[in-house]
Every structure is written in C-alpha cells, then in structure tokens.
Amino acid sequence: MKITIAELEQAARSLDVKVTYEDLKTSKGGSCRVMETRRIIINKHLSVNEKINLLARELGRFDLSGLDLPDRVRKKILHESDLPAEPMKLSA
C-alpha cells in the first residue's frame, strides 16, 4: 500500500496546515507557526519517499483524532511520528 504525497497534503489541508516545498540548504524541513498560520516546510530537493516520510512525521505532531483518514494514511503518520528525527546536517 503506497501512500501518496497528495493524500498527506489533503490531511494537512483538513488540519488547516499549509504545506510548501522550498529550496532549503541545511535542513530537510519541519513544521512551524507563522503568526496564526501553521506550516510544514519541506526541502524540494528531497526524493518523493523522503518528502512522504517527512510530511507524515510532521503531521504526527498534530491532533488527528477528528480527521476521517484512510487507515493506511493514519498508520503511516503514526509510524513515522514514532521514529526518532534525523539530526540536522549543517554545511560548513
């Protein structure tokens, strides 16, 4: 069962979380709040699988209890949010 970026982006929209893909130099991405807007920012240079894993992990930080998600999408989010985050690599 493959999970698509579109399925995870739909979950983010349901949570009123804006997902953007940016040219990040030293980070894979993460979630933040800018004023009242919740955001997940993902490095656009990551592979599709890395984007899926990162988006699922970041969605796991939000309360999903009220969302009607397909079981496989919910399982992916819960699985990724249980994994330890990778350390950020900083360039010299």
N, C-alpha and C. Protein backbone atom coordinates (compact mmCIF):
# COMPACT_ATOMS: atom_id res chain seq x y z
N MET A 1 0.83 -1.19 0.00
CA MET A 1 0.00 0.00 0.00
C MET A 1 0.87 1.25 0.00
N LYS A 2 0.91 1.92 -1.12
CA LYS A 2 1.69 3.15 -1.23
C LYS A 2 0.85 4.33 -0.76
N ILE A 3 1.48 5.21 -0.05
CA ILE A 3 0.86 6.46 0.38
C ILE A 3 1.38 7.53 -0.58
N THR A 4 0.51 8.40 -1.04
CA THR A 4 0.94 9.46 -1.94
C THR A 4 1.07 10.78 -1.20
N ILE A 5 1.88 11.64 -1.78
CA ILE A 5 2.03 13.00 -1.24
C ILE A 5 0.65 13.67 -1.20
N ALA A 6 -0.14 13.46 -2.25
CA ALA A 6 -1.46 14.11 -2.32
C ALA A 6 -2.35 13.71 -1.15
N GLU A 7 -2.29 12.45 -0.73
CA GLU A 7 -3.10 12.01 0.41
C GLU A 7 -2.67 12.72 1.70
N LEU A 8 -1.36 12.86 1.87
CA LEU A 8 -0.86 13.54 3.07
C LEU A 8 -1.13 15.04 3.01
N GLU A 9 -1.02 15.63 1.82
CA GLU A 9 -1.34 17.05 1.67
C GLU A 9 -2.81 17.30 1.97
N GLN A 10 -3.68 16.37 1.59
CA GLN A 10 -5.11 16.51 1.90
C GLN A 10 -5.33 16.46 3.41
N ALA A 11 -4.62 15.58 4.09
CA ALA A 11 -4.71 15.53 5.56
C ALA A 11 -4.27 16.86 6.16
N ALA A 12 -3.20 17.44 5.62
CA ALA A 12 -2.72 18.74 6.10
C ALA A 12 -3.78 19.82 5.88
N ARG A 13 -4.39 19.83 4.70
CA ARG A 13 -5.44 20.82 4.43
C ARG A 13 -6.60 20.66 5.41
N SER A 14 -6.94 19.42 5.73
CA SER A 14 -8.02 19.17 6.69
C SER A 14 -7.69 19.73 8.06
N LEU A 15 -6.40 19.78 8.38
CA LEU A 15 -5.94 20.34 9.65
C LEU A 15 -5.69 21.85 9.56
N ASP A 16 -5.92 22.43 8.38
CA ASP A 16 -5.64 23.84 8.12
C ASP A 16 -4.15 24.13 8.28
N VAL A 17 -3.33 23.22 7.75
CA VAL A 17 -1.87 23.36 7.77
C VAL A 17 -1.41 23.56 6.33
N LYS A 18 -0.65 24.61 6.10
CA LYS A 18 -0.14 24.91 4.76
C LYS A 18 1.16 24.13 4.54
N VAL A 19 1.24 23.39 3.43
CA VAL A 19 2.45 22.65 3.08
C VAL A 19 3.12 23.36 1.91
N THR A 20 4.41 23.67 2.07
CA THR A 20 5.17 24.28 0.98
C THR A 20 6.47 23.53 0.77
N TYR A 21 6.98 23.63 -0.44
CA TYR A 21 8.24 23.00 -0.82
C TYR A 21 9.21 24.11 -1.18
N GLU A 22 10.30 24.18 -0.41
CA GLU A 22 11.24 25.29 -0.52
C GLU A 22 12.65 24.77 -0.80
N ASP A 23 13.51 25.68 -1.26
CA ASP A 23 14.91 25.37 -1.51
C ASP A 23 15.68 25.56 -0.19
N LEU A 24 15.66 24.54 0.65
CA LEU A 24 16.32 24.61 1.95
C LEU A 24 17.75 24.10 1.80
N LYS A 25 18.69 24.86 2.30
CA LYS A 25 20.10 24.50 2.13
C LYS A 25 20.61 23.53 3.20
N THR A 26 20.13 23.68 4.43
CA THR A 26 20.72 22.92 5.54
C THR A 26 19.72 22.05 6.29
N SER A 27 18.53 21.90 5.77
CA SER A 27 17.51 21.17 6.51
C SER A 27 16.61 20.41 5.55
N LYS A 28 16.07 19.30 6.03
CA LYS A 28 15.07 18.57 5.25
C LYS A 28 13.72 19.25 5.35
N GLY A 29 13.47 19.93 6.46
CA GLY A 29 12.22 20.64 6.66
C GLY A 29 11.67 20.41 8.05
N GLY A 30 10.45 20.87 8.26
CA GLY A 30 9.82 20.72 9.56
C GLY A 30 8.55 21.54 9.62
N SER A 31 7.98 21.63 10.82
CA SER A 31 6.74 22.38 10.99
C SER A 31 6.99 23.60 11.86
N CYS A 32 6.17 24.61 11.65
CA CYS A 32 6.28 25.84 12.44
C CYS A 32 4.95 26.58 12.38
N ARG A 33 4.89 27.65 13.12
CA ARG A 33 3.72 28.53 13.10
C ARG A 33 4.24 29.93 12.78
N VAL A 34 3.64 30.55 11.77
CA VAL A 34 3.96 31.93 11.41
C VAL A 34 2.69 32.73 11.64
N MET A 35 2.73 33.59 12.66
CA MET A 35 1.54 34.32 13.10
C MET A 35 0.48 33.27 13.45
N GLU A 36 -0.63 33.24 12.75
CA GLU A 36 -1.69 32.25 13.04
C GLU A 36 -1.70 31.10 12.05
N THR A 37 -0.74 31.08 11.13
CA THR A 37 -0.70 30.05 10.09
C THR A 37 0.24 28.92 10.48
N ARG A 38 -0.30 27.71 10.54
CA ARG A 38 0.53 26.53 10.80
C ARG A 38 1.08 26.06 9.46
N ARG A 39 2.39 25.75 9.43
CA ARG A 39 3.04 25.38 8.18
C ARG A 39 3.91 24.15 8.36
N ILE A 40 4.02 23.40 7.28
CA ILE A 40 5.04 22.36 7.16
C ILE A 40 5.84 22.74 5.92
N ILE A 41 7.13 22.93 6.12
CA ILE A 41 8.03 23.32 5.03
C ILE A 41 8.93 22.13 4.73
N ILE A 42 9.00 21.74 3.45
CA ILE A 42 9.75 20.56 3.03
C ILE A 42 10.77 20.98 1.98
N ASN A 43 11.98 20.46 2.11
CA ASN A 43 13.03 20.72 1.12
C ASN A 43 12.60 20.12 -0.21
N LYS A 44 12.51 20.96 -1.24
CA LYS A 44 12.03 20.50 -2.54
C LYS A 44 13.00 19.56 -3.24
N HIS A 45 14.23 19.46 -2.76
CA HIS A 45 15.23 18.60 -3.38
C HIS A 45 15.22 17.17 -2.84
N LEU A 46 14.39 16.88 -1.85
CA LEU A 46 14.29 15.53 -1.31
C LEU A 46 13.64 14.61 -2.32
N SER A 47 13.90 13.31 -2.19
CA SER A 47 13.21 12.32 -3.03
C SER A 47 11.74 12.27 -2.61
N VAL A 48 10.92 11.69 -3.47
CA VAL A 48 9.49 11.58 -3.16
C VAL A 48 9.29 10.81 -1.85
N ASN A 49 10.02 9.71 -1.66
CA ASN A 49 9.87 8.93 -0.42
C ASN A 49 10.27 9.74 0.80
N GLU A 50 11.34 10.53 0.69
CA GLU A 50 11.76 11.37 1.82
C GLU A 50 10.71 12.44 2.13
N LYS A 51 10.11 13.01 1.09
CA LYS A 51 9.05 14.01 1.28
C LYS A 51 7.85 13.38 1.98
N ILE A 52 7.47 12.18 1.55
CA ILE A 52 6.34 11.47 2.16
C ILE A 52 6.62 11.20 3.63
N ASN A 53 7.82 10.68 3.92
CA ASN A 53 8.17 10.35 5.30
C ASN A 53 8.20 11.59 6.18
N LEU A 54 8.78 12.68 5.68
CA LEU A 54 8.87 13.90 6.47
C LEU A 54 7.48 14.50 6.69
N LEU A 55 6.67 14.54 5.66
CA LEU A 55 5.32 15.09 5.80
C LEU A 55 4.49 14.26 6.78
N ALA A 56 4.61 12.94 6.69
CA ALA A 56 3.89 12.07 7.63
C ALA A 56 4.37 12.30 9.06
N ARG A 57 5.68 12.41 9.24
CA ARG A 57 6.24 12.65 10.58
C ARG A 57 5.73 13.96 11.16
N GLU A 58 5.74 15.01 10.37
CA GLU A 58 5.29 16.31 10.86
C GLU A 58 3.79 16.34 11.12
N LEU A 59 3.01 15.64 10.31
CA LEU A 59 1.56 15.56 10.56
C LEU A 59 1.28 14.84 11.88
N GLY A 60 2.18 13.95 12.28
CA GLY A 60 2.03 13.24 13.54
C GLY A 60 2.11 14.14 14.76
N ARG A 61 2.56 15.36 14.58
CA ARG A 61 2.65 16.33 15.68
C ARG A 61 1.29 16.99 15.98
N PHE A 62 0.33 16.79 15.08
CA PHE A 62 -0.98 17.42 15.21
C PHE A 62 -2.01 16.42 15.72
N ASP A 63 -3.10 16.95 16.25
CA ASP A 63 -4.20 16.11 16.74
C ASP A 63 -5.00 15.61 15.55
N LEU A 64 -4.92 14.32 15.28
CA LEU A 64 -5.59 13.71 14.14
C LEU A 64 -6.92 13.07 14.52
N SER A 65 -7.30 13.16 15.78
CA SER A 65 -8.45 12.40 16.28
C SER A 65 -9.76 12.77 15.57
N GLY A 66 -9.90 13.99 15.12
CA GLY A 66 -11.15 14.39 14.47
C GLY A 66 -11.16 14.21 12.97
N LEU A 67 -10.06 13.70 12.41
CA LEU A 67 -9.97 13.57 10.95
C LEU A 67 -10.44 12.21 10.48
N ASP A 68 -11.13 12.21 9.36
CA ASP A 68 -11.54 10.97 8.71
C ASP A 68 -10.47 10.61 7.69
N LEU A 69 -9.47 9.85 8.12
CA LEU A 69 -8.35 9.46 7.26
C LEU A 69 -8.46 8.00 6.88
N PRO A 70 -8.04 7.65 5.66
CA PRO A 70 -7.92 6.23 5.33
C PRO A 70 -6.96 5.55 6.33
N ASP A 71 -7.24 4.32 6.68
CA ASP A 71 -6.42 3.61 7.67
C ASP A 71 -4.94 3.61 7.32
N ARG A 72 -4.61 3.38 6.04
CA ARG A 72 -3.20 3.29 5.66
C ARG A 72 -2.49 4.64 5.83
N VAL A 73 -3.22 5.74 5.62
CA VAL A 73 -2.63 7.07 5.80
C VAL A 73 -2.40 7.33 7.28
N ARG A 74 -3.39 7.02 8.11
CA ARG A 74 -3.24 7.19 9.56
C ARG A 74 -2.09 6.34 10.09
N LYS A 75 -1.98 5.09 9.62
CA LYS A 75 -0.90 4.20 10.07
C LYS A 75 0.46 4.75 9.67
N LYS A 76 0.58 5.29 8.45
CA LYS A 76 1.85 5.86 8.00
C LYS A 76 2.24 7.05 8.88
N ILE A 77 1.29 7.92 9.17
CA ILE A 77 1.57 9.09 10.01
C ILE A 77 2.00 8.64 11.40
N LEU A 78 1.29 7.70 11.97
CA LEU A 78 1.63 7.21 13.32
C LEU A 78 2.98 6.51 13.32
N HIS A 79 3.27 5.74 12.28
CA HIS A 79 4.56 5.04 12.18
C HIS A 79 5.71 6.04 12.11
N GLU A 80 5.60 7.02 11.23
CA GLU A 80 6.68 7.99 11.05
C GLU A 80 6.86 8.87 12.28
N SER A 81 5.77 9.20 12.96
CA SER A 81 5.90 10.07 14.13
C SER A 81 6.50 9.33 15.32
N ASP A 82 6.51 7.99 15.27
CA ASP A 82 7.14 7.20 16.33
C ASP A 82 8.64 7.04 16.14
N LEU A 83 9.15 7.33 14.93
CA LEU A 83 10.57 7.19 14.65
C LEU A 83 11.32 8.42 15.17
N PRO A 84 12.56 8.22 15.62
CA PRO A 84 13.33 9.39 16.06
C PRO A 84 13.67 10.27 14.86
N ALA A 85 13.67 11.57 15.06
CA ALA A 85 14.01 12.50 13.98
C ALA A 85 15.49 12.39 13.66
N GLU A 86 15.82 12.56 12.37
CA GLU A 86 17.22 12.54 11.97
C GLU A 86 17.86 13.86 12.37
N PRO A 87 19.13 13.81 12.78
CA PRO A 87 19.80 15.06 13.14
C PRO A 87 19.98 15.95 11.91
N MET A 88 19.90 17.25 12.11
CA MET A 88 20.06 18.20 11.02
C MET A 88 21.53 18.27 10.63
N LYS A 89 21.80 18.25 9.33
CA LYS A 89 23.17 18.35 8.83
C LYS A 89 23.42 19.80 8.43
N LEU A 90 24.40 20.40 9.04
CA LEU A 90 24.76 21.77 8.71
C LEU A 90 26.01 21.78 7.85
N SER A 91 25.99 22.59 6.80
CA SER A 91 27.18 22.69 5.96
C SER A 91 28.14 23.68 6.59
N ALA A 92 29.42 23.48 6.32
CA ALA A 92 30.45 24.34 6.92
C ALA A 92 30.59 25.64 6.19
